[in-house]
């Protein structure tokens, strides 16, 4: 993120999106290094907050780019507020539902939350299935739904990263070791797409 910000703010360089590019990266397959990597990325966003005033004064960016980049930079802050408030709200809803079982709108609210979560999983499954088909790796709907549900577990794990990132930043812990990847050489899966390097 810092590279992008410095490029935009200092050089006025234009960036473009190309959906035909695939960056092949080796996955971090162990939970501890994965979590450490995500905390490092999140802490990088925390460290980029000092660029916000310059970002908004920059003549090289349009309003959408300024808002979009600001949202990404402020994500660690919202990532601390939203989960905590959501947990409090859900706890209150469940408690009121149990105490006042025969009356109230609490059941409808909880049911709506469950339906939104299931609908989100179905949409993610459909998108994942489509993306796999696009890169010539078709996947059954059942596997796509399983992946969408496991993605929710992934979200629960990374929901802790903003707290750790802000804690590390406040403590002045800014040194990081690069995430270690294995040395497994895997065959190219995306032979028909343009290389990004």
C-alpha atoms as a PDB file:
ATOM      1  CA  UNK A   1       0.000   0.000   0.000  1.00  0.00           C
ATOM      2  CA  UNK A   2       2.832   2.410   0.817  1.00  0.00           C
ATOM      3  CA  UNK A   3       4.338   1.884  -2.638  1.00  0.00           C
ATOM      4  CA  UNK A   4       1.012   2.727  -4.274  1.00  0.00           C
ATOM      5  CA  UNK A   5       0.524   5.802  -2.104  1.00  0.00           C
ATOM      6  CA  UNK A   6       4.018   7.129  -2.762  1.00  0.00           C
ATOM      7  CA  UNK A   7       3.650   6.462  -6.484  1.00  0.00           C
ATOM      8  CA  UNK A   8       0.345   8.326  -6.634  1.00  0.00           C
ATOM      9  CA  UNK A   9       1.271  11.172  -4.298  1.00  0.00           C
ATOM     10  CA  UNK A  10       4.802  11.844  -5.479  1.00  0.00           C
ATOM     11  CA  UNK A  11       4.805  10.793  -9.098  1.00  0.00           C
ATOM     12  CA  UNK A  12       1.240  11.112 -10.261  1.00  0.00           C
ATOM     13  CA  UNK A  13       1.544   7.702 -11.903  1.00  0.00           C
ATOM     14  CA  UNK A  14      -1.644   6.214 -13.304  1.00  0.00           C
ATOM     15  CA  UNK A  15      -2.632   2.628 -12.473  1.00  0.00           C
ATOM     16  CA  UNK A  16      -5.078   0.461 -14.373  1.00  0.00           C
ATOM     17  CA  UNK A  17      -6.893  -2.775 -13.606  1.00  0.00           C
ATOM     18  CA  UNK A  18      -6.477  -5.778 -15.893  1.00  0.00           C
ATOM     19  CA  UNK A  19      -8.753  -8.708 -15.053  1.00  0.00           C
ATOM     20  CA  UNK A  20      -6.810 -11.074 -17.330  1.00  0.00           C
ATOM     21  CA  UNK A  21      -3.714 -11.064 -15.119  1.00  0.00           C
ATOM     22  CA  UNK A  22      -3.177 -13.730 -12.488  1.00  0.00           C
ATOM     23  CA  UNK A  23      -0.425 -13.337  -9.924  1.00  0.00           C
ATOM     24  CA  UNK A  24       0.723 -16.796  -8.935  1.00  0.00           C
ATOM     25  CA  UNK A  25       1.646 -16.919  -5.286  1.00  0.00           C
ATOM     26  CA  UNK A  26       2.404 -19.745  -2.955  1.00  0.00           C
ATOM     27  CA  UNK A  27      -0.179 -20.013  -0.196  1.00  0.00           C
ATOM     28  CA  UNK A  28       0.768 -19.813   3.461  1.00  0.00           C
ATOM     29  CA  UNK A  29      -0.540 -23.171   4.625  1.00  0.00           C
ATOM     30  CA  UNK A  30       0.101 -22.969   8.384  1.00  0.00           C
ATOM     31  CA  UNK A  31      -2.212 -20.927  10.625  1.00  0.00           C
ATOM     32  CA  UNK A  32       0.467 -19.152  12.687  1.00  0.00           C
ATOM     33  CA  UNK A  33       2.516 -17.767   9.746  1.00  0.00           C
ATOM     34  CA  UNK A  34      -0.735 -16.930   7.927  1.00  0.00           C
ATOM     35  CA  UNK A  35      -2.023 -14.932  10.899  1.00  0.00           C
ATOM     36  CA  UNK A  36       1.365 -13.215  11.315  1.00  0.00           C
ATOM     37  CA  UNK A  37       1.328 -12.241   7.627  1.00  0.00           C
ATOM     38  CA  UNK A  38      -2.172 -10.748   7.884  1.00  0.00           C
ATOM     39  CA  UNK A  39      -1.222  -8.808  11.017  1.00  0.00           C
ATOM     40  CA  UNK A  40       1.830  -7.448   9.183  1.00  0.00           C
ATOM     41  CA  UNK A  41      -0.334  -6.320   6.258  1.00  0.00           C
ATOM     42  CA  UNK A  42      -2.866  -4.733   8.598  1.00  0.00           C
ATOM     43  CA  UNK A  43      -0.133  -2.958  10.532  1.00  0.00           C
ATOM     44  CA  UNK A  44       1.154  -1.624   7.218  1.00  0.00           C
ATOM     45  CA  UNK A  45      -2.232   0.055   6.712  1.00  0.00           C
ATOM     46  CA  UNK A  46      -1.996   1.519  10.223  1.00  0.00           C
ATOM     47  CA  UNK A  47       1.435   2.919   9.360  1.00  0.00           C
ATOM     48  CA  UNK A  48       0.057   4.447   6.141  1.00  0.00           C
ATOM     49  CA  UNK A  49      -2.506   6.552   8.024  1.00  0.00           C
ATOM     50  CA  UNK A  50      -0.044   9.452   8.121  1.00  0.00           C
ATOM     51  CA  UNK A  51      -0.435   9.703   4.313  1.00  0.00           C
ATOM     52  CA  UNK A  52      -4.164  10.548   4.546  1.00  0.00           C
ATOM     53  CA  UNK A  53      -3.799  14.375   4.548  1.00  0.00           C
ATOM     54  CA  UNK A  54      -1.447  14.251   1.545  1.00  0.00           C
ATOM     55  CA  UNK A  55      -3.771  11.784  -0.174  1.00  0.00           C
ATOM     56  CA  UNK A  56      -6.720  14.167   0.086  1.00  0.00           C
ATOM     57  CA  UNK A  57      -4.633  17.150  -1.111  1.00  0.00           C
ATOM     58  CA  UNK A  58      -3.167  15.250  -4.074  1.00  0.00           C
ATOM     59  CA  UNK A  59      -4.120  16.679  -7.483  1.00  0.00           C
ATOM     60  CA  UNK A  60      -3.319  13.339  -9.155  1.00  0.00           C
ATOM     61  CA  UNK A  61      -6.288  11.411  -7.735  1.00  0.00           C
ATOM     62  CA  UNK A  62      -9.989  11.695  -8.406  1.00  0.00           C
ATOM     63  CA  UNK A  63     -12.561  11.675  -5.593  1.00  0.00           C
ATOM     64  CA  UNK A  64     -13.354   7.970  -5.952  1.00  0.00           C
ATOM     65  CA  UNK A  65      -9.677   6.999  -5.631  1.00  0.00           C
ATOM     66  CA  UNK A  66      -9.322   9.187  -2.540  1.00  0.00           C
ATOM     67  CA  UNK A  67     -12.388   7.677  -0.857  1.00  0.00           C
ATOM     68  CA  UNK A  68     -11.503   4.095  -1.843  1.00  0.00           C
ATOM     69  CA  UNK A  69      -7.899   4.384  -0.646  1.00  0.00           C
ATOM     70  CA  UNK A  70      -8.990   6.091   2.581  1.00  0.00           C
ATOM     71  CA  UNK A  71     -11.382   3.219   3.290  1.00  0.00           C
ATOM     72  CA  UNK A  72      -8.550   0.707   2.846  1.00  0.00           C
ATOM     73  CA  UNK A  73      -6.206   2.729   5.059  1.00  0.00           C
ATOM     74  CA  UNK A  74      -8.849   3.087   7.795  1.00  0.00           C
ATOM     75  CA  UNK A  75      -9.833  -0.591   7.617  1.00  0.00           C
ATOM     76  CA  UNK A  76      -7.879  -1.512  10.797  1.00  0.00           C
ATOM     77  CA  UNK A  77      -9.915   1.035  12.783  1.00  0.00           C
ATOM     78  CA  UNK A  78     -13.266  -0.109  11.395  1.00  0.00           C
ATOM     79  CA  UNK A  79     -12.030  -3.689  11.762  1.00  0.00           C
ATOM     80  CA  UNK A  80     -11.819  -3.105  15.515  1.00  0.00           C
ATOM     81  CA  UNK A  81     -15.131  -1.261  15.898  1.00  0.00           C
ATOM     82  CA  UNK A  82     -17.480  -3.318  13.702  1.00  0.00           C
ATOM     83  CA  UNK A  83     -16.803  -6.814  15.146  1.00  0.00           C
ATOM     84  CA  UNK A  84     -17.066  -5.559  18.730  1.00  0.00           C
ATOM     85  CA  UNK A  85     -20.335  -3.705  18.129  1.00  0.00           C
ATOM     86  CA  UNK A  86     -21.727  -6.624  16.121  1.00  0.00           C
ATOM     87  CA  UNK A  87     -20.922  -9.052  18.929  1.00  0.00           C
ATOM     88  CA  UNK A  88     -22.605  -6.801  21.507  1.00  0.00           C
ATOM     89  CA  UNK A  89     -25.673  -6.409  19.279  1.00  0.00           C
ATOM     90  CA  UNK A  90     -25.955 -10.141  18.614  1.00  0.00           C
ATOM     91  CA  UNK A  91     -25.542 -10.949  22.313  1.00  0.00           C
ATOM     92  CA  UNK A  92     -28.316  -8.498  23.251  1.00  0.00           C
ATOM     93  CA  UNK A  93     -30.603  -9.881  20.539  1.00  0.00           C
ATOM     94  CA  UNK A  94     -30.102 -13.471  21.681  1.00  0.00           C
ATOM     95  CA  UNK A  95     -30.520 -12.556  25.350  1.00  0.00           C
ATOM     96  CA  UNK A  96     -33.755 -10.642  24.697  1.00  0.00           C
ATOM     97  CA  UNK A  97     -35.027 -13.446  22.504  1.00  0.00           C
ATOM     98  CA  UNK A  98     -34.506 -15.980  25.281  1.00  0.00           C
ATOM     99  CA  UNK A  99     -36.009 -13.779  28.013  1.00  0.00           C
ATOM    100  CA  UNK A 100     -38.986 -12.528  25.981  1.00  0.00           C
ATOM    101  CA  UNK A 101     -39.567 -15.609  23.830  1.00  0.00           C
ATOM    102  CA  UNK A 102     -43.303 -15.046  23.325  1.00  0.00           C
ATOM    103  CA  UNK A 103     -43.133 -11.371  22.285  1.00  0.00           C
ATOM    104  CA  UNK A 104     -40.943  -8.976  20.379  1.00  0.00           C
ATOM    105  CA  UNK A 105     -39.196  -8.630  17.064  1.00  0.00           C
ATOM    106  CA  UNK A 106     -35.946 -10.267  18.203  1.00  0.00           C
ATOM    107  CA  UNK A 107     -36.672 -13.596  16.512  1.00  0.00           C
ATOM    108  CA  UNK A 108     -37.246 -11.847  13.201  1.00  0.00           C
ATOM    109  CA  UNK A 109     -33.945  -9.961  13.536  1.00  0.00           C
ATOM    110  CA  UNK A 110     -31.962 -13.116  14.335  1.00  0.00           C
ATOM    111  CA  UNK A 111     -33.668 -15.000  11.491  1.00  0.00           C
ATOM    112  CA  UNK A 112     -32.858 -12.138   9.123  1.00  0.00           C
ATOM    113  CA  UNK A 113     -29.190 -12.216  10.154  1.00  0.00           C
ATOM    114  CA  UNK A 114     -29.024 -15.968   9.545  1.00  0.00           C
ATOM    115  CA  UNK A 115     -30.702 -15.585   6.134  1.00  0.00           C
ATOM    116  CA  UNK A 116     -28.295 -12.792   5.140  1.00  0.00           C
ATOM    117  CA  UNK A 117     -25.332 -14.969   6.159  1.00  0.00           C
ATOM    118  CA  UNK A 118     -26.652 -17.948   4.167  1.00  0.00           C
ATOM    119  CA  UNK A 119     -27.439 -15.765   1.141  1.00  0.00           C
ATOM    120  CA  UNK A 120     -23.908 -14.351   1.300  1.00  0.00           C
ATOM    121  CA  UNK A 121     -22.479 -17.887   1.348  1.00  0.00           C
ATOM    122  CA  UNK A 122     -24.581 -18.821  -1.693  1.00  0.00           C
ATOM    123  CA  UNK A 123     -23.433 -15.736  -3.629  1.00  0.00           C
ATOM    124  CA  UNK A 124     -19.793 -16.402  -2.704  1.00  0.00           C
ATOM    125  CA  UNK A 125     -20.181 -20.037  -3.769  1.00  0.00           C
ATOM    126  CA  UNK A 126     -21.623 -19.008  -7.141  1.00  0.00           C
ATOM    127  CA  UNK A 127     -18.835 -16.470  -7.705  1.00  0.00           C
ATOM    128  CA  UNK A 128     -16.171 -18.968  -6.685  1.00  0.00           C
ATOM    129  CA  UNK A 129     -17.623 -21.632  -8.977  1.00  0.00           C
ATOM    130  CA  UNK A 130     -17.695 -19.133 -11.873  1.00  0.00           C
ATOM    131  CA  UNK A 131     -14.112 -17.999 -11.223  1.00  0.00           C
ATOM    132  CA  UNK A 132     -12.883 -21.601 -11.098  1.00  0.00           C
ATOM    133  CA  UNK A 133     -14.600 -22.294 -14.409  1.00  0.00           C
ATOM    134  CA  UNK A 134     -13.005 -19.163 -15.912  1.00  0.00           C
ATOM    135  CA  UNK A 135      -9.516 -20.517 -15.171  1.00  0.00           C
ATOM    136  CA  UNK A 136     -10.455 -23.985 -16.459  1.00  0.00           C
ATOM    137  CA  UNK A 137     -10.763 -25.645 -13.034  1.00  0.00           C
ATOM    138  CA  UNK A 138     -14.471 -26.489 -12.818  1.00  0.00           C
ATOM    139  CA  UNK A 139     -15.865 -27.151  -9.358  1.00  0.00           C
ATOM    140  CA  UNK A 140     -19.114 -28.728  -8.226  1.00  0.00           C
ATOM    141  CA  UNK A 141     -21.684 -26.566  -6.464  1.00  0.00           C
ATOM    142  CA  UNK A 142     -21.333 -28.637  -3.267  1.00  0.00           C
ATOM    143  CA  UNK A 143     -17.562 -28.011  -3.171  1.00  0.00           C
ATOM    144  CA  UNK A 144     -18.107 -24.314  -3.876  1.00  0.00           C
ATOM    145  CA  UNK A 145     -20.597 -24.069  -0.989  1.00  0.00           C
ATOM    146  CA  UNK A 146     -18.141 -25.880   1.297  1.00  0.00           C
ATOM    147  CA  UNK A 147     -15.437 -23.382   0.301  1.00  0.00           C
ATOM    148  CA  UNK A 148     -17.814 -20.460   0.913  1.00  0.00           C
ATOM    149  CA  UNK A 149     -18.589 -21.765   4.400  1.00  0.00           C
ATOM    150  CA  UNK A 150     -14.904 -22.299   5.162  1.00  0.00           C
ATOM    151  CA  UNK A 151     -14.325 -18.717   4.027  1.00  0.00           C
ATOM    152  CA  UNK A 152     -16.519 -17.637   6.954  1.00  0.00           C
ATOM    153  CA  UNK A 153     -14.110 -19.423   9.324  1.00  0.00           C
ATOM    154  CA  UNK A 154     -11.263 -17.602   7.579  1.00  0.00           C
ATOM    155  CA  UNK A 155     -13.047 -14.296   8.250  1.00  0.00           C
ATOM    156  CA  UNK A 156     -13.378 -15.150  11.934  1.00  0.00           C
ATOM    157  CA  UNK A 157      -9.634 -15.786  12.167  1.00  0.00           C
ATOM    158  CA  UNK A 158      -8.596 -12.600  10.396  1.00  0.00           C
ATOM    159  CA  UNK A 159     -11.115 -10.528  12.378  1.00  0.00           C
ATOM    160  CA  UNK A 160      -8.530 -10.574  15.182  1.00  0.00           C
ATOM    161  CA  UNK A 161      -5.747  -9.077  13.060  1.00  0.00           C
ATOM    162  CA  UNK A 162      -6.656  -5.368  13.469  1.00  0.00           C
ATOM    163  CA  UNK A 163      -6.505  -5.661  17.262  1.00  0.00           C
ATOM    164  CA  UNK A 164      -3.064  -7.276  17.144  1.00  0.00           C
ATOM    165  CA  UNK A 165      -1.818  -4.825  14.488  1.00  0.00           C
ATOM    166  CA  UNK A 166      -2.889  -1.748  16.446  1.00  0.00           C
ATOM    167  CA  UNK A 167      -1.507  -3.232  19.677  1.00  0.00           C
ATOM    168  CA  UNK A 168       1.869  -3.870  17.994  1.00  0.00           C
ATOM    169  CA  UNK A 169       1.922  -0.368  16.513  1.00  0.00           C
ATOM    170  CA  UNK A 170       1.110   1.274  19.857  1.00  0.00           C
ATOM    171  CA  UNK A 171       3.893  -0.753  21.500  1.00  0.00           C
ATOM    172  CA  UNK A 172       6.376   0.309  18.802  1.00  0.00           C
ATOM    173  CA  UNK A 173       6.826  -3.250  17.537  1.00  0.00           C
ATOM    174  CA  UNK A 174       7.422  -2.538  13.863  1.00  0.00           C
ATOM    175  CA  UNK A 175      10.109  -5.092  12.960  1.00  0.00           C
ATOM    176  CA  UNK A 176       8.975  -8.063  10.894  1.00  0.00           C
ATOM    177  CA  UNK A 177      10.466 -11.185   9.431  1.00  0.00           C
ATOM    178  CA  UNK A 178       9.296 -12.085   5.955  1.00  0.00           C
ATOM    179  CA  UNK A 179       6.710 -14.861   5.848  1.00  0.00           C
ATOM    180  CA  UNK A 180       8.435 -18.156   5.087  1.00  0.00           C
ATOM    181  CA  UNK A 181       6.956 -20.081   2.193  1.00  0.00           C
ATOM    182  CA  UNK A 182       7.686 -23.710   1.443  1.00  0.00           C
ATOM    183  CA  UNK A 183       9.855 -24.695  -1.464  1.00  0.00           C
ATOM    184  CA  UNK A 184       7.233 -26.791  -3.197  1.00  0.00           C
ATOM    185  CA  UNK A 185       7.294 -26.372  -6.964  1.00  0.00           C
ATOM    186  CA  UNK A 186       3.796 -26.764  -8.310  1.00  0.00           C
ATOM    187  CA  UNK A 187       2.723 -26.971 -11.937  1.00  0.00           C
ATOM    188  CA  UNK A 188       1.231 -23.840 -13.485  1.00  0.00           C
ATOM    189  CA  UNK A 189      -2.540 -23.886 -13.246  1.00  0.00           C
ATOM    190  CA  UNK A 190      -3.287 -20.811 -15.323  1.00  0.00           C
ATOM    191  CA  UNK A 191      -1.438 -21.523 -18.533  1.00  0.00           C
ATOM    192  CA  UNK A 192      -3.933 -19.638 -20.728  1.00  0.00           C
ATOM    193  CA  UNK A 193      -3.684 -16.308 -18.897  1.00  0.00           C
ATOM    194  CA  UNK A 194      -1.126 -13.530 -19.261  1.00  0.00           C
ATOM    195  CA  UNK A 195       1.782 -13.516 -16.838  1.00  0.00           C
ATOM    196  CA  UNK A 196       2.097 -10.575 -14.478  1.00  0.00           C
ATOM    197  CA  UNK A 197       5.874 -10.639 -14.394  1.00  0.00           C
END
